[in-house]
């Protein structure tokens, strides 16, 4: 958590307290980081811990791959449509379009 500004720590503690950890403090934690922009971007910009940054990044880039947020079928459909468009325009693939 080293490197995070006081505002980011305050947000992390506010989230932690709202999730039931009533004794959490900005100084001693525990801190709850979310994938919402203010929390995530603060970690990516200021955290000194590379493992924390990597964990936050991996969680952020895979959030739409599971459960109700899974957009894989939509992406696959778009890729098929783009290939179809390319073929109709006599290109080998969409990148050539």
Protein backbone atom coordinates (compact mmCIF):
# COMPACT_ATOMS: atom_id res chain seq x y z
CA UNK A 1 0.00 0.00 0.00
CA UNK A 2 3.15 2.16 0.13
CA UNK A 3 3.01 5.13 -2.18
CA UNK A 4 -0.77 5.58 -2.24
CA UNK A 5 -1.88 9.14 -1.40
CA UNK A 6 -4.02 9.83 1.64
CA UNK A 7 -7.12 10.28 -0.50
CA UNK A 8 -6.69 6.81 -2.02
CA UNK A 9 -6.16 5.27 1.41
CA UNK A 10 -9.26 7.06 2.67
CA UNK A 11 -11.30 5.67 -0.21
CA UNK A 12 -9.93 2.17 0.41
CA UNK A 13 -10.85 2.39 4.10
CA UNK A 14 -14.30 3.75 3.31
CA UNK A 15 -14.88 0.73 1.04
CA UNK A 16 -13.49 -1.65 3.67
CA UNK A 17 -15.74 -0.25 6.38
CA UNK A 18 -18.78 -0.47 4.09
CA UNK A 19 -18.00 -4.18 3.62
CA UNK A 20 -18.12 -4.86 7.36
CA UNK A 21 -14.59 -4.21 8.65
CA UNK A 22 -15.61 -1.53 11.14
CA UNK A 23 -12.20 -1.28 12.85
CA UNK A 24 -10.24 -0.55 9.66
CA UNK A 25 -8.05 2.55 9.67
CA UNK A 26 -6.14 4.36 6.94
CA UNK A 27 -2.91 3.79 8.86
CA UNK A 28 -3.29 0.10 9.72
CA UNK A 29 -5.79 -1.29 7.21
CA UNK A 30 -7.06 -3.58 6.06
CA UNK A 31 -7.49 -1.73 2.76
CA UNK A 32 -9.97 -2.78 0.10
CA UNK A 33 -9.03 -1.81 -3.45
CA UNK A 34 -11.78 -1.93 -6.07
CA UNK A 35 -11.74 -1.86 -9.87
CA UNK A 36 -13.61 1.44 -9.94
CA UNK A 37 -11.63 4.22 -11.62
CA UNK A 38 -10.63 6.26 -8.53
CA UNK A 39 -9.36 3.23 -6.63
CA UNK A 40 -7.79 1.36 -9.55
CA UNK A 41 -6.07 4.38 -11.11
CA UNK A 42 -4.58 5.43 -7.76
CA UNK A 43 -3.01 2.00 -7.34
CA UNK A 44 -1.66 1.97 -10.89
CA UNK A 45 -0.22 5.49 -10.59
CA UNK A 46 1.14 5.53 -7.06
CA UNK A 47 1.63 2.08 -5.54
CA UNK A 48 5.25 1.09 -4.94
CA UNK A 49 4.37 -2.61 -4.70
CA UNK A 50 4.72 -4.14 -8.18
CA UNK A 51 2.82 -7.27 -7.12
CA UNK A 52 -0.16 -5.14 -6.04
CA UNK A 53 -0.11 -3.26 -9.35
CA UNK A 54 0.04 -6.51 -11.29
CA UNK A 55 -2.80 -8.06 -9.30
CA UNK A 56 -4.98 -4.97 -9.80
CA UNK A 57 -4.14 -4.85 -13.52
CA UNK A 58 -4.92 -8.53 -14.11
CA UNK A 59 -8.22 -8.20 -12.25
CA UNK A 60 -9.11 -5.09 -14.26
CA UNK A 61 -8.41 -6.56 -17.70
CA UNK A 62 -10.27 -9.81 -16.97
CA UNK A 63 -13.37 -8.37 -15.30
CA UNK A 64 -15.51 -8.84 -18.42
CA UNK A 65 -14.52 -12.49 -18.90
CA UNK A 66 -16.61 -14.11 -16.18
CA UNK A 67 -20.14 -14.31 -14.87
CA UNK A 68 -22.79 -11.76 -15.77
CA UNK A 69 -20.20 -9.42 -17.29
CA UNK A 70 -18.83 -11.99 -19.75
CA UNK A 71 -18.81 -10.30 -23.15
CA UNK A 72 -16.93 -13.07 -24.99
CA UNK A 73 -19.93 -14.03 -27.17
CA UNK A 74 -20.38 -10.40 -28.22
CA UNK A 75 -16.70 -10.05 -29.11
CA UNK A 76 -16.76 -13.28 -31.12
CA UNK A 77 -19.84 -12.08 -33.00
CA UNK A 78 -18.17 -8.74 -33.79
CA UNK A 79 -15.05 -10.52 -35.06
CA UNK A 80 -17.15 -12.67 -37.38
CA UNK A 81 -18.97 -9.60 -38.70
CA UNK A 82 -15.69 -7.78 -39.30
CA UNK A 83 -14.29 -10.74 -41.22
CA UNK A 84 -17.48 -10.92 -43.28
CA UNK A 85 -17.19 -7.20 -44.08
CA UNK A 86 -13.56 -7.65 -45.13
CA UNK A 87 -14.43 -10.55 -47.42
CA UNK A 88 -17.28 -8.57 -49.00
CA UNK A 89 -14.83 -5.77 -49.74
CA UNK A 90 -12.29 -8.25 -51.19
CA UNK A 91 -9.80 -8.03 -48.32
CA UNK A 92 -8.21 -11.05 -46.62
CA UNK A 93 -9.00 -9.80 -43.12
CA UNK A 94 -10.40 -6.82 -41.24
CA UNK A 95 -6.96 -5.33 -40.57
CA UNK A 96 -6.54 -4.79 -44.31
CA UNK A 97 -9.80 -2.84 -44.44
